[in-house]
C-alpha atoms as a PDB file:
ATOM      1  CA  MET A   1     -40.545  90.666 -75.799  1.00  0.00           C
ATOM      2  CA  LYS A   2     -44.185  89.624 -75.438  1.00  0.00           C
ATOM      3  CA  TRP A   3     -46.329  89.268 -78.564  1.00  0.00           C
ATOM      4  CA  SER A   4     -50.077  88.618 -78.621  1.00  0.00           C
ATOM      5  CA  PHE A   5     -51.519  86.672 -81.559  1.00  0.00           C
ATOM      6  CA  GLU A   6     -55.154  86.722 -82.683  1.00  0.00           C
ATOM      7  CA  TRP A   7     -56.519  84.618 -85.556  1.00  0.00           C
ATOM      8  CA  PHE A   8     -59.601  85.607 -87.576  1.00  0.00           C
ATOM      9  CA  GLU A   9     -61.509  83.353 -89.958  1.00  0.00           C
ATOM     10  CA  GLY A  10     -64.526  84.304 -92.051  1.00  0.00           C
ATOM     11  CA  ASP A  11     -65.623  87.911 -92.506  1.00  0.00           C
ATOM     12  CA  LEU A  12     -63.324  90.492 -90.920  1.00  0.00           C
ATOM     13  CA  SER A  13     -64.565  93.368 -88.790  1.00  0.00           C
ATOM     14  CA  GLN A  14     -64.804  96.809 -90.356  1.00  0.00           C
ATOM     15  CA  GLU A  15     -62.110  97.992 -87.948  1.00  0.00           C
ATOM     16  CA  LEU A  16     -59.660  95.375 -89.221  1.00  0.00           C
ATOM     17  CA  LEU A  17     -60.519  96.167 -92.836  1.00  0.00           C
ATOM     18  CA  ASP A  18     -60.021  99.888 -92.212  1.00  0.00           C
ATOM     19  CA  ASP A  19     -56.653  99.257 -90.523  1.00  0.00           C
ATOM     20  CA  TRP A  20     -55.594  97.076 -93.450  1.00  0.00           C
ATOM     21  CA  GLU A  21     -56.566  99.608 -96.115  1.00  0.00           C
ATOM     22  CA  CYS A  22     -55.014 102.525 -94.228  1.00  0.00           C
ATOM     23  CA  ALA A  23     -51.685 100.684 -93.867  1.00  0.00           C
ATOM     24  CA  VAL A  24     -51.528  99.677 -97.539  1.00  0.00           C
ATOM     25  CA  ARG A  25     -52.352 103.206 -98.677  1.00  0.00           C
ATOM     26  CA  THR A  26     -49.068 104.462 -97.231  1.00  0.00           C
ATOM     27  CA  SER A  27     -46.926 101.398 -97.985  1.00  0.00           C
ATOM     28  CA  GLY A  28     -44.763 100.611-100.995  1.00  0.00           C
ATOM     29  CA  ASN A  29     -46.301  97.174-101.467  1.00  0.00           C
ATOM     30  CA  VAL A  30     -49.210  96.852-103.890  1.00  0.00           C
ATOM     31  CA  TRP A  31     -49.370  93.106-103.172  1.00  0.00           C
ATOM     32  CA  ALA A  32     -50.756  93.824 -99.709  1.00  0.00           C
ATOM     33  CA  ASN A  33     -53.901  95.358-101.257  1.00  0.00           C
ATOM     34  CA  ARG A  34     -56.801  93.413 -99.774  1.00  0.00           C
ATOM     35  CA  HIS A  35     -58.699  93.253-103.064  1.00  0.00           C
ATOM     36  CA  LEU A  36     -55.736  91.622-104.822  1.00  0.00           C
ATOM     37  CA  VAL A  37     -55.337  89.238-101.889  1.00  0.00           C
ATOM     38  CA  GLN A  38     -59.024  88.352-102.153  1.00  0.00           C
ATOM     39  CA  VAL A  39     -58.715  87.644-105.887  1.00  0.00           C
ATOM     40  CA  TRP A  40     -55.863  85.199-105.272  1.00  0.00           C
ATOM     41  CA  GLY A  41     -57.895  83.454-102.567  1.00  0.00           C
ATOM     42  CA  GLU A  42     -60.998  83.139-104.739  1.00  0.00           C
ATOM     43  CA  THR A  43     -59.132  81.775-107.773  1.00  0.00           C
ATOM     44  CA  ILE A  44     -55.791  80.039-107.318  1.00  0.00           C
ATOM     45  CA  GLY A  45     -56.277  79.600-103.566  1.00  0.00           C
ATOM     46  CA  GLN A  46     -59.651  77.884-103.928  1.00  0.00           C
ATOM     47  CA  GLU A  47     -58.434  75.774-106.836  1.00  0.00           C
ATOM     48  CA  ASN A  48     -55.717  74.397-104.563  1.00  0.00           C
ATOM     49  CA  GLY A  49     -57.955  73.928-101.533  1.00  0.00           C
ATOM     50  CA  PHE A  50     -56.785  76.928 -99.465  1.00  0.00           C
ATOM     51  CA  GLU A  51     -58.950  78.894 -97.030  1.00  0.00           C
ATOM     52  CA  PRO A  52     -58.190  82.437 -95.772  1.00  0.00           C
ATOM     53  CA  ILE A  53     -57.205  83.331 -92.231  1.00  0.00           C
ATOM     54  CA  MET A  54     -55.987  86.663 -90.841  1.00  0.00           C
ATOM     55  CA  LEU A  55     -53.338  87.005 -88.159  1.00  0.00           C
ATOM     56  CA  LYS A  56     -53.146  90.105 -85.986  1.00  0.00           C
ATOM     57  CA  ALA A  57     -49.929  90.269 -83.952  1.00  0.00           C
ATOM     58  CA  SER A  58     -49.244  93.001 -81.409  1.00  0.00           C
ATOM     59  CA  CYS A  59     -46.275  93.908 -79.240  1.00  0.00           C
ATOM     60  CA  VAL A  60     -45.859  97.161 -77.253  1.00  0.00           C
ATOM     61  CA  ASP A  61     -45.930  99.864 -79.968  1.00  0.00           C
ATOM     62  CA  ASN A  62     -46.098  97.534 -82.984  1.00  0.00           C
ATOM     63  CA  THR A  63     -49.052  95.830 -84.661  1.00  0.00           C
ATOM     64  CA  LEU A  64     -48.984  93.608 -87.756  1.00  0.00           C
ATOM     65  CA  LEU A  65     -51.651  92.077 -89.960  1.00  0.00           C
ATOM     66  CA  TYR A  66     -50.775  88.979 -91.960  1.00  0.00           C
ATOM     67  CA  PRO A  67     -53.279  87.600 -94.502  1.00  0.00           C
ATOM     68  CA  LEU A  68     -52.544  83.879 -94.713  1.00  0.00           C
ATOM     69  CA  PHE A  69     -54.100  80.819 -96.316  1.00  0.00           C
ATOM     70  CA  PHE A  70     -54.234  77.248 -95.095  1.00  0.00           C
ATOM     71  CA  LYS A  71     -55.396  73.887 -96.347  1.00  0.00           C
ATOM     72  CA  LYS A  72     -55.849  70.495 -94.760  1.00  0.00           C
ATOM     73  CA  ASN A  73     -54.009  67.531 -96.208  1.00  0.00           C
ATOM     74  CA  LYS A  74     -55.115  64.067 -95.204  1.00  0.00           C
ATOM     75  CA  ARG A  75     -52.614  61.264 -95.405  1.00  0.00           C
ATOM     76  CA  LEU A  76     -53.106  57.818 -93.861  1.00  0.00           C
ATOM     77  CA  LYS A  77     -56.124  59.229 -91.948  1.00  0.00           C
ATOM     78  CA  ILE A  78     -53.976  61.951 -90.351  1.00  0.00           C
ATOM     79  CA  GLN A  79     -55.026  65.544 -91.129  1.00  0.00           C
ATOM     80  CA  ARG A  80     -52.175  68.013 -91.436  1.00  0.00           C
ATOM     81  CA  TYR A  81     -51.988  71.667 -92.366  1.00  0.00           C
ATOM     82  CA  VAL A  82     -50.172  73.595 -95.089  1.00  0.00           C
ATOM     83  CA  VAL A  83     -49.898  77.369 -94.507  1.00  0.00           C
ATOM     84  CA  MET A  84     -48.717  80.103 -96.869  1.00  0.00           C
ATOM     85  CA  PRO A  85     -49.286  83.801 -97.583  1.00  0.00           C
ATOM     86  CA  ALA A  86     -51.411  85.299-100.339  1.00  0.00           C
ATOM     87  CA  GLY A  87     -49.744  84.910-103.722  1.00  0.00           C
ATOM     88  CA  GLY A  88     -48.841  81.308-103.057  1.00  0.00           C
ATOM     89  CA  TRP A  89     -45.902  79.803-104.868  1.00  0.00           C
ATOM     90  CA  TYR A  90     -45.439  82.247-107.741  1.00  0.00           C
ATOM     91  CA  GLN A  91     -47.997  85.037-108.106  1.00  0.00           C
ATOM     92  CA  PHE A  92     -47.092  87.907-105.728  1.00  0.00           C
ATOM     93  CA  THR A  93     -43.681  89.563-105.518  1.00  0.00           C
ATOM     94  CA  PHE A  94     -43.758  90.304-101.773  1.00  0.00           C
ATOM     95  CA  GLN A  95     -45.359  88.227 -99.009  1.00  0.00           C
ATOM     96  CA  ASP A  96     -44.537  90.236 -95.897  1.00  0.00           C
ATOM     97  CA  PRO A  97     -46.824  90.982 -92.962  1.00  0.00           C
ATOM     98  CA  ILE A  98     -48.404  94.443 -93.056  1.00  0.00           C
ATOM     99  CA  GLU A  99     -47.272  97.005 -90.487  1.00  0.00           C
ATOM    100  CA  ILE A 100     -50.361  98.850 -89.285  1.00  0.00           C
ATOM    101  CA  LYS A 101     -48.773 100.430 -86.223  1.00  0.00           C
ATOM    102  CA  GLY A 102     -45.135 101.312 -85.622  1.00  0.00           C
ATOM    103  CA  SER A 103     -42.090 100.466 -87.716  1.00  0.00           C
ATOM    104  CA  LEU A 104     -40.273  97.294 -86.754  1.00  0.00           C
ATOM    105  CA  SER A 105     -36.505  97.228 -86.281  1.00  0.00           C
ATOM    106  CA  PRO A 106     -34.516  94.187 -87.526  1.00  0.00           C
ATOM    107  CA  GLU A 107     -34.370  92.924 -83.944  1.00  0.00           C
ATOM    108  CA  THR A 108     -38.141  93.244 -83.548  1.00  0.00           C
ATOM    109  CA  TRP A 109     -38.746  91.477 -86.847  1.00  0.00           C
ATOM    110  CA  ASN A 110     -36.524  88.632 -85.704  1.00  0.00           C
ATOM    111  CA  ASP A 111     -38.440  88.372 -82.449  1.00  0.00           C
ATOM    112  CA  PHE A 112     -41.760  88.394 -84.325  1.00  0.00           C
ATOM    113  CA  TRP A 113     -40.707  85.544 -86.609  1.00  0.00           C
ATOM    114  CA  CYS A 114     -39.546  83.497 -83.652  1.00  0.00           C
ATOM    115  CA  HIS A 115     -42.972  83.848 -82.008  1.00  0.00           C
ATOM    116  CA  PHE A 116     -44.761  83.438 -85.345  1.00  0.00           C
ATOM    117  CA  LYS A 117     -43.228  80.001 -85.973  1.00  0.00           C
ATOM    118  CA  ARG A 118     -44.190  78.838 -82.513  1.00  0.00           C
ATOM    119  CA  GLU A 119     -47.752  80.201 -82.695  1.00  0.00           C
ATOM    120  CA  THR A 120     -48.307  78.795 -86.183  1.00  0.00           C
ATOM    121  CA  GLU A 121     -47.266  75.347 -85.000  1.00  0.00           C
ATOM    122  CA  LYS A 122     -49.814  75.581 -82.180  1.00  0.00           C
ATOM    123  CA  LYS A 123     -52.643  76.973 -84.335  1.00  0.00           C
ATOM    124  CA  PHE A 124     -52.174  74.499 -87.175  1.00  0.00           C
ATOM    125  CA  ALA A 125     -51.255  71.330 -85.341  1.00  0.00           C
ATOM    126  CA  PRO A 126     -50.092  69.055 -86.764  1.00  0.00           C
ATOM    127  CA  LEU A 127     -48.292  71.339 -89.221  1.00  0.00           C
ATOM    128  CA  GLU A 128     -47.108  69.724 -92.431  1.00  0.00           C
ATOM    129  CA  CYS A 129     -45.539  72.813 -93.941  1.00  0.00           C
ATOM    130  CA  LEU A 130     -45.295  76.577 -93.484  1.00  0.00           C
ATOM    131  CA  ASP A 131     -43.953  78.091 -96.703  1.00  0.00           C
ATOM    132  CA  LEU A 132     -43.218  81.843 -96.946  1.00  0.00           C
ATOM    133  CA  ARG A 133     -41.312  82.397-100.195  1.00  0.00           C
ATOM    134  CA  ARG A 134     -40.696  86.091-100.774  1.00  0.00           C
ATOM    135  CA  ILE A 135     -40.082  87.961 -97.524  1.00  0.00           C
ATOM    136  CA  ARG A 136     -38.255  91.306 -97.418  1.00  0.00           C
ATOM    137  CA  PHE A 137     -38.212  91.753 -93.646  1.00  0.00           C
ATOM    138  CA  SER A 138     -36.778  88.410 -92.614  1.00  0.00           C
ATOM    139  CA  GLY A 139     -35.309  87.042 -89.436  1.00  0.00           C
ATOM    140  CA  GLU A 140     -31.926  85.504 -88.759  1.00  0.00           C
ATOM    141  CA  LYS A 141     -30.665  82.490 -90.658  1.00  0.00           C
ATOM    142  CA  ALA A 142     -30.836  80.527 -87.412  1.00  0.00           C
ATOM    143  CA  LEU A 143     -34.640  80.779 -87.615  1.00  0.00           C
ATOM    144  CA  GLY A 144     -34.582  79.028 -90.977  1.00  0.00           C
ATOM    145  CA  PHE A 145     -34.590  81.992 -93.382  1.00  0.00           C
ATOM    146  CA  GLU A 146     -32.647  81.510 -96.608  1.00  0.00           C
ATOM    147  CA  LYS A 147     -32.151  83.825 -99.562  1.00  0.00           C
ATOM    148  CA  PHE A 148     -34.652  82.763-102.196  1.00  0.00           C
ATOM    149  CA  ALA A 149     -34.783  85.406-104.937  1.00  0.00           C
ATOM    150  CA  VAL A 150     -33.990  88.995-105.839  1.00  0.00           C
ATOM    151  CA  ALA A 151     -36.338  91.810-106.817  1.00  0.00           C
ATOM    152  CA  PRO A 152     -34.640  94.335-109.144  1.00  0.00           C
ATOM    153  CA  ARG A 153     -35.805  97.945-109.061  1.00  0.00           C
ATOM    154  CA  MET A 154     -34.914 100.960-111.156  1.00  0.00           C
ATOM    155  CA  LYS A 155     -34.807 104.339-109.431  1.00  0.00           C
ATOM    156  CA  LEU A 156     -36.052 107.163-111.653  1.00  0.00           C
ATOM    157  CA  ASP A 157     -36.289 110.214-109.432  1.00  0.00           C
ATOM    158  CA  GLY A 158     -32.732 111.336-110.214  1.00  0.00           C
ATOM    159  CA  PHE A 159     -33.267 111.699-113.978  1.00  0.00           C
ATOM    160  CA  ASN A 160     -34.331 114.889-115.743  1.00  0.00           C
ATOM    161  CA  ASP A 161     -35.412 113.080-118.912  1.00  0.00           C
ATOM    162  CA  PHE A 162     -35.010 109.824-120.853  1.00  0.00           C
ATOM    163  CA  ASP A 163     -31.717 110.869-122.464  1.00  0.00           C
ATOM    164  CA  ASP A 164     -30.376 111.543-118.978  1.00  0.00           C
ATOM    165  CA  CYS A 165     -31.330 107.965-118.061  1.00  0.00           C
ATOM    166  CA  LEU A 166     -29.834 106.422-121.211  1.00  0.00           C
ATOM    167  CA  ALA A 167     -26.532 108.148-120.509  1.00  0.00           C
ATOM    168  CA  THR A 168     -26.125 106.013-117.365  1.00  0.00           C
ATOM    169  CA  LEU A 169     -26.573 102.696-119.203  1.00  0.00           C
ATOM    170  CA  ARG A 170     -23.997 100.560-120.967  1.00  0.00           C
ATOM    171  CA  SER A 171     -23.075 101.903-124.379  1.00  0.00           C
ATOM    172  CA  SER A 172     -24.190  98.756-126.248  1.00  0.00           C
ATOM    173  CA  HIS A 173     -27.595  98.772-124.566  1.00  0.00           C
ATOM    174  CA  ARG A 174     -28.061 102.513-125.058  1.00  0.00           C
ATOM    175  CA  LYS A 175     -27.298 102.197-128.797  1.00  0.00           C
ATOM    176  CA  ASN A 176     -29.587  99.185-129.165  1.00  0.00           C
ATOM    177  CA  VAL A 177     -32.502 101.003-127.501  1.00  0.00           C
ATOM    178  CA  ARG A 178     -32.148 103.982-129.811  1.00  0.00           C
ATOM    179  CA  ARG A 179     -31.738 101.765-132.873  1.00  0.00           C
ATOM    180  CA  GLN A 180     -34.830  99.669-132.144  1.00  0.00           C
ATOM    181  CA  ILE A 181     -36.986 102.750-131.487  1.00  0.00           C
ATOM    182  CA  ARG A 182     -35.801 104.367-134.749  1.00  0.00           C
ATOM    183  CA  GLN A 183     -36.505 101.150-136.610  1.00  0.00           C
ATOM    184  CA  ALA A 184     -40.038 100.892-135.219  1.00  0.00           C
ATOM    185  CA  ASP A 185     -40.728 104.513-136.196  1.00  0.00           C
ATOM    186  CA  ALA A 186     -39.452 103.833-139.707  1.00  0.00           C
ATOM    187  CA  GLN A 187     -41.717 100.784-140.090  1.00  0.00           C
ATOM    188  CA  GLY A 188     -44.909 102.752-139.772  1.00  0.00           C
ATOM    189  CA  GLY A 189     -44.734 104.896-136.666  1.00  0.00           C
ATOM    190  CA  LEU A 190     -44.291 103.731-133.075  1.00  0.00           C
ATOM    191  CA  GLU A 191     -47.301 104.302-130.812  1.00  0.00           C
ATOM    192  CA  PHE A 192     -47.182 103.808-127.041  1.00  0.00           C
ATOM    193  CA  GLY A 193     -50.276 104.178-124.907  1.00  0.00           C
ATOM    194  CA  ASN A 194     -52.616 102.994-122.157  1.00  0.00           C
ATOM    195  CA  PHE A 195     -55.692 100.857-122.618  1.00  0.00           C
ATOM    196  CA  GLU A 196     -58.822 102.603-121.442  1.00  0.00           C
ATOM    197  CA  GLN A 197     -60.856 100.827-118.791  1.00  0.00           C
ATOM    198  CA  CYS A 198     -63.557  99.941-121.321  1.00  0.00           C
ATOM    199  CA  ASP A 199     -60.944  98.130-123.449  1.00  0.00           C
ATOM    200  CA  VAL A 200     -59.465  95.945-120.683  1.00  0.00           C
ATOM    201  CA  SER A 201     -61.401  92.770-121.631  1.00  0.00           C
ATOM    202  CA  GLU A 202     -60.172  92.986-125.214  1.00  0.00           C
ATOM    203  CA  ALA A 203     -56.649  93.748-124.001  1.00  0.00           C
ATOM    204  CA  LEU A 204     -56.657  90.717-121.693  1.00  0.00           C
ATOM    205  CA  ALA A 205     -57.662  88.420-124.555  1.00  0.00           C
ATOM    206  CA  LEU A 206     -54.680  89.734-126.518  1.00  0.00           C
ATOM    207  CA  LEU A 207     -52.426  89.359-123.467  1.00  0.00           C
ATOM    208  CA  PHE A 208     -53.441  85.710-123.073  1.00  0.00           C
ATOM    209  CA  GLU A 209     -52.873  85.044-126.775  1.00  0.00           C
ATOM    210  CA  PHE A 210     -49.419  86.648-126.894  1.00  0.00           C
ATOM    211  CA  HIS A 211     -48.312  85.203-123.560  1.00  0.00           C
ATOM    212  CA  GLN A 212     -49.384  81.664-124.399  1.00  0.00           C
ATOM    213  CA  LYS A 213     -47.568  81.678-127.730  1.00  0.00           C
ATOM    214  CA  GLN A 214     -44.486  83.207-126.140  1.00  0.00           C
ATOM    215  CA  TRP A 215     -44.282  80.838-123.169  1.00  0.00           C
ATOM    216  CA  ASP A 216     -46.290  77.713-123.968  1.00  0.00           C
ATOM    217  CA  ASN A 217     -43.279  75.495-124.658  1.00  0.00           C
ATOM    218  CA  ARG A 218     -41.355  76.672-121.602  1.00  0.00           C
ATOM    219  CA  ALA A 219     -43.751  77.529-118.781  1.00  0.00           C
ATOM    220  CA  GLY A 220     -46.162  74.574-118.693  1.00  0.00           C
ATOM    221  CA  GLN A 221     -48.964  75.285-116.231  1.00  0.00           C
ATOM    222  CA  LEU A 222     -47.674  78.841-115.666  1.00  0.00           C
ATOM    223  CA  THR A 223     -48.679  79.968-119.150  1.00  0.00           C
ATOM    224  CA  LEU A 224     -51.719  82.215-119.311  1.00  0.00           C
ATOM    225  CA  GLY A 225     -53.413  79.571-121.457  1.00  0.00           C
ATOM    226  CA  ASN A 226     -54.286  77.951-118.124  1.00  0.00           C
ATOM    227  CA  SER A 227     -57.950  78.736-117.327  1.00  0.00           C
ATOM    228  CA  VAL A 228     -57.358  79.169-113.573  1.00  0.00           C
ATOM    229  CA  LEU A 229     -54.545  81.657-114.178  1.00  0.00           C
ATOM    230  CA  GLN A 230     -56.700  83.482-116.714  1.00  0.00           C
ATOM    231  CA  GLY A 231     -59.439  83.816-114.099  1.00  0.00           C
ATOM    232  CA  PHE A 232     -56.867  85.100-111.631  1.00  0.00           C
ATOM    233  CA  ILE A 233     -55.510  87.728-114.052  1.00  0.00           C
ATOM    234  CA  LYS A 234     -59.033  88.835-115.004  1.00  0.00           C
ATOM    235  CA  GLY A 235     -59.855  89.212-111.318  1.00  0.00           C
ATOM    236  CA  LEU A 236     -56.670  91.213-110.716  1.00  0.00           C
ATOM    237  CA  ALA A 237     -57.466  93.521-113.635  1.00  0.00           C
ATOM    238  CA  LYS A 238     -61.022  94.118-112.433  1.00  0.00           C
ATOM    239  CA  ALA A 239     -59.913  94.760-108.852  1.00  0.00           C
ATOM    240  CA  ALA A 240     -57.010  96.993-109.908  1.00  0.00           C
ATOM    241  CA  ALA A 241     -59.245  99.012-112.233  1.00  0.00           C
ATOM    242  CA  SER A 242     -61.764  99.473-109.425  1.00  0.00           C
ATOM    243  CA  GLU A 243     -58.984 100.580-107.052  1.00  0.00           C
ATOM    244  CA  GLY A 244     -57.461 102.926-109.650  1.00  0.00           C
ATOM    245  CA  ILE A 245     -54.099 101.123-109.596  1.00  0.00           C
ATOM    246  CA  ILE A 246     -54.133  99.331-112.965  1.00  0.00           C
ATOM    247  CA  ASP A 247     -51.450 100.183-115.538  1.00  0.00           C
ATOM    248  CA  PHE A 248     -52.095  98.399-118.858  1.00  0.00           C
ATOM    249  CA  THR A 249     -49.960  99.627-121.760  1.00  0.00           C
ATOM    250  CA  TYR A 250     -49.255  98.687-125.362  1.00  0.00           C
ATOM    251  CA  THR A 251     -47.022  99.468-128.296  1.00  0.00           C
ATOM    252  CA  LYS A 252     -48.244  99.502-131.875  1.00  0.00           C
ATOM    253  CA  VAL A 253     -46.325  99.885-135.103  1.00  0.00           C
ATOM    254  CA  GLY A 254     -48.304 100.696-138.228  1.00  0.00           C
ATOM    255  CA  GLY A 255     -51.505 100.186-136.224  1.00  0.00           C
ATOM    256  CA  GLU A 256     -50.604  96.588-135.228  1.00  0.00           C
ATOM    257  CA  TYR A 257     -50.043  95.546-131.611  1.00  0.00           C
ATOM    258  CA  ARG A 258     -46.476  94.473-130.909  1.00  0.00           C
ATOM    259  CA  SER A 259     -46.286  94.323-127.119  1.00  0.00           C
ATOM    260  CA  LEU A 260     -48.376  94.605-123.961  1.00  0.00           C
ATOM    261  CA  HIS A 261     -47.698  95.062-120.280  1.00  0.00           C
ATOM    262  CA  PHE A 262     -50.191  94.535-117.453  1.00  0.00           C
ATOM    263  CA  GLY A 263     -48.979  96.007-114.179  1.00  0.00           C
ATOM    264  CA  PHE A 264     -49.893  98.287-111.298  1.00  0.00           C
ATOM    265  CA  ARG A 265     -49.280 101.818-110.111  1.00  0.00           C
ATOM    266  CA  HIS A 266     -49.240 102.429-106.366  1.00  0.00           C
ATOM    267  CA  ASN A 267     -47.754 105.215-104.242  1.00  0.00           C
ATOM    268  CA  ASN A 268     -45.689 106.636-107.106  1.00  0.00           C
ATOM    269  CA  ILE A 269     -44.202 103.215-107.896  1.00  0.00           C
ATOM    270  CA  LEU A 270     -44.779 101.276-111.124  1.00  0.00           C
ATOM    271  CA  PHE A 271     -45.032  97.521-110.544  1.00  0.00           C
ATOM    272  CA  TRP A 272     -43.865  95.477-113.531  1.00  0.00           C
ATOM    273  CA  TYR A 273     -45.921  92.272-113.710  1.00  0.00           C
ATOM    274  CA  LYS A 274     -47.033  90.612-116.975  1.00  0.00           C
ATOM    275  CA  PRO A 275     -45.173  91.696-120.126  1.00  0.00           C
ATOM    276  CA  CYS A 276     -45.626  89.919-123.452  1.00  0.00           C
ATOM    277  CA  TYR A 277     -45.079  90.556-127.140  1.00  0.00           C
ATOM    278  CA  ASN A 278     -46.196  89.406-130.578  1.00  0.00           C
ATOM    279  CA  LEU A 279     -43.828  86.621-131.636  1.00  0.00           C
ATOM    280  CA  ASP A 280     -44.237  87.632-135.293  1.00  0.00           C
ATOM    281  CA  PHE A 281     -42.082  90.686-134.506  1.00  0.00           C
ATOM    282  CA  LYS A 282     -39.569  89.082-132.154  1.00  0.00           C
ATOM    283  CA  ARG A 283     -36.599  90.139-134.307  1.00  0.00           C
ATOM    284  CA  TYR A 284     -37.481  93.803-133.682  1.00  0.00           C
ATOM    285  CA  SER A 285     -37.146  93.484-129.853  1.00  0.00           C
ATOM    286  CA  PRO A 286     -40.701  94.644-129.056  1.00  0.00           C
ATOM    287  CA  GLY A 287     -40.237  93.928-125.350  1.00  0.00           C
ATOM    288  CA  LEU A 288     -37.168  96.151-125.157  1.00  0.00           C
ATOM    289  CA  VAL A 289     -38.947  98.952-127.046  1.00  0.00           C
ATOM    290  CA  HIS A 290     -41.966  98.698-124.725  1.00  0.00           C
ATOM    291  CA  LEU A 291     -39.866  98.909-121.586  1.00  0.00           C
ATOM    292  CA  ALA A 292     -37.901 101.837-123.002  1.00  0.00           C
ATOM    293  CA  LYS A 293     -41.106 103.770-123.694  1.00  0.00           C
ATOM    294  CA  LEU A 294     -42.393 102.856-120.252  1.00  0.00           C
ATOM    295  CA  VAL A 295     -39.233 104.170-118.591  1.00  0.00           C
ATOM    296  CA  GLU A 296     -39.470 107.362-120.648  1.00  0.00           C
ATOM    297  CA  ARG A 297     -43.051 107.929-119.570  1.00  0.00           C
ATOM    298  CA  GLU A 298     -42.376 107.184-115.908  1.00  0.00           C
ATOM    299  CA  ILE A 299     -39.502 109.668-115.783  1.00  0.00           C
ATOM    300  CA  ALA A 300     -41.798 112.336-117.258  1.00  0.00           C
ATOM    301  CA  LEU A 301     -44.454 111.467-114.639  1.00  0.00           C
ATOM    302  CA  GLY A 302     -41.985 111.783-111.772  1.00  0.00           C
ATOM    303  CA  THR A 303     -42.311 108.128-110.704  1.00  0.00           C
ATOM    304  CA  GLU A 304     -39.984 107.166-107.860  1.00  0.00           C
ATOM    305  CA  TYR A 305     -38.969 103.780-109.236  1.00  0.00           C
ATOM    306  CA  ILE A 306     -40.012 100.772-111.287  1.00  0.00           C
ATOM    307  CA  ASP A 307     -40.334  97.563-109.291  1.00  0.00           C
ATOM    308  CA  PHE A 308     -39.408  94.734-111.675  1.00  0.00           C
ATOM    309  CA  GLY A 309     -40.880  91.989-109.490  1.00  0.00           C
ATOM    310  CA  TYR A 310     -38.963  88.952-108.337  1.00  0.00           C
ATOM    311  CA  GLY A 311     -36.518  87.176-110.624  1.00  0.00           C
ATOM    312  CA  ASP A 312     -33.028  87.855-111.927  1.00  0.00           C
ATOM    313  CA  GLU A 313     -33.799  87.886-115.667  1.00  0.00           C
ATOM    314  CA  SER A 314     -30.926  89.481-117.552  1.00  0.00           C
ATOM    315  CA  TYR A 315     -33.040  92.099-119.355  1.00  0.00           C
ATOM    316  CA  LYS A 316     -33.911  93.742-116.028  1.00  0.00           C
ATOM    317  CA  PHE A 317     -30.251  94.304-115.218  1.00  0.00           C
ATOM    318  CA  LEU A 318     -29.723  96.074-118.533  1.00  0.00           C
ATOM    319  CA  TRP A 319     -31.674  98.908-116.902  1.00  0.00           C
ATOM    320  CA  THR A 320     -30.573  98.752-113.285  1.00  0.00           C
ATOM    321  CA  SER A 321     -27.940  97.300-110.997  1.00  0.00           C
ATOM    322  CA  GLU A 322     -30.092  97.653-107.884  1.00  0.00           C
ATOM    323  CA  SER A 323     -32.113  94.872-106.314  1.00  0.00           C
ATOM    324  CA  ILE A 324     -33.377  93.758-102.924  1.00  0.00           C
ATOM    325  CA  ASP A 325     -33.042  90.265-101.497  1.00  0.00           C
ATOM    326  CA  LEU A 326     -36.096  88.143-100.815  1.00  0.00           C
ATOM    327  CA  PHE A 327     -36.013  85.362 -98.249  1.00  0.00           C
ATOM    328  CA  ARG A 328     -37.833  82.106 -97.763  1.00  0.00           C
ATOM    329  CA  LEU A 329     -38.961  80.497 -94.538  1.00  0.00           C
ATOM    330  CA  GLN A 330     -39.969  76.884 -94.970  1.00  0.00           C
ATOM    331  CA  HIS A 331     -40.834  75.127 -91.765  1.00  0.00           C
ATOM    332  CA  SER A 332     -42.506  71.901 -90.704  1.00  0.00           C
ATOM    333  CA  ALA A 333     -43.233  70.419 -87.316  1.00  0.00           C
ATOM    334  CA  LYS A 334     -43.935  66.794 -88.116  1.00  0.00           C
ATOM    335  CA  GLY A 335     -42.603  65.077 -85.048  1.00  0.00           C
ATOM    336  CA  VAL A 336     -41.482  61.472 -84.872  1.00  0.00           C
ATOM    337  CA  PHE A 337     -44.931  59.915 -85.357  1.00  0.00           C
ATOM    338  CA  LEU A 338     -45.746  61.930 -88.482  1.00  0.00           C
ATOM    339  CA  GLY A 339     -42.257  61.284 -89.788  1.00  0.00           C
ATOM    340  CA  VAL A 340     -42.912  57.548 -89.521  1.00  0.00           C
ATOM    341  CA  LEU A 341     -46.209  57.978 -91.373  1.00  0.00           C
ATOM    342  CA  ASP A 342     -44.381  59.847 -94.145  1.00  0.00           C
ATOM    343  CA  SER A 343     -41.939  56.958 -94.465  1.00  0.00           C
ATOM    344  CA  ILE A 344     -44.803  54.461 -94.695  1.00  0.00           C
ATOM    345  CA  ALA A 345     -46.551  56.579 -97.353  1.00  0.00           C
ATOM    346  CA  ALA A 346     -43.311  56.916 -99.340  1.00  0.00           C
ATOM    347  CA  ASN A 347     -42.780  53.126 -99.294  1.00  0.00           C
ATOM    348  CA  ARG A 348     -46.339  52.521-100.439  1.00  0.00           C
ATOM    349  CA  ARG A 349     -45.801  54.867-103.389  1.00  0.00           C
ATOM    350  CA  LYS A 350     -42.709  52.900-104.387  1.00  0.00           C
ATOM    351  CA  VAL A 351     -44.843  49.761-104.544  1.00  0.00           C
END
């Protein structure tokens, strides 16, 4: 099967931009939104020395766009390339190419990845590392794909109401949800709502405060106390608000904020992204109460499913048993000469 590959750096043509936006509008992947991709590139990407490049790959009745980023590493006077998709190491749940024409079969995906590895090696020679971490539409294991993570999701379109949903959950979890909601109501009235667009800046400040206190001792540079990550989240919020896909919710009890969630709504799917809660109320399970109220609202809205993002945290599987596998392709093409240089560099570091 013959594929043609075109690489675009700098400003993209209006035709490419239109194709990109049209494809994302009908997809189930909010992370392919070009404005979110641009935010990552202008914040975390730039901080780590990455530059954007767009791949357009075509074959018979299929066309893909793949927004990628590359940087040049220089070691012992040899310049080598690192290539990865938007979202980098941790930030986006899915990092697949975008289908703008046709729908690829597993066999066609496998053929694409085979050509992609070869073309990437040629374009970015010498290639130090190609690292694709969260791919849904992977190729065969022989190409180097390995299972990397799972992305739980909770289907909602089969429920008539929240009680209908609770009836499908484990008895202990169902009782705990009801108990915590009753307790919050008894403590001063449980309020669940959305931040208005004009309140997003204030909400983000609260998100950063709660998240940093909640995670500071465990997440290191991933805590939202990190200024680069704060800039990234602010950019996401601004872009998502402009695109009409932001979903920023809170719970209050007695007028005091207990939990927040910053996520996205796209094509009748709710994308779970950054939850946090006030540690002062940890014993009242504010995160559980927030998610319960979110599920209740989404059922009433007729949402198809909640995408919980990547990661197998136990709380997600209290609500669902369904998940999809995400695969990683990590590839390098160093060759003997570059391998020798790596050995020399490693020995120098030991000294």
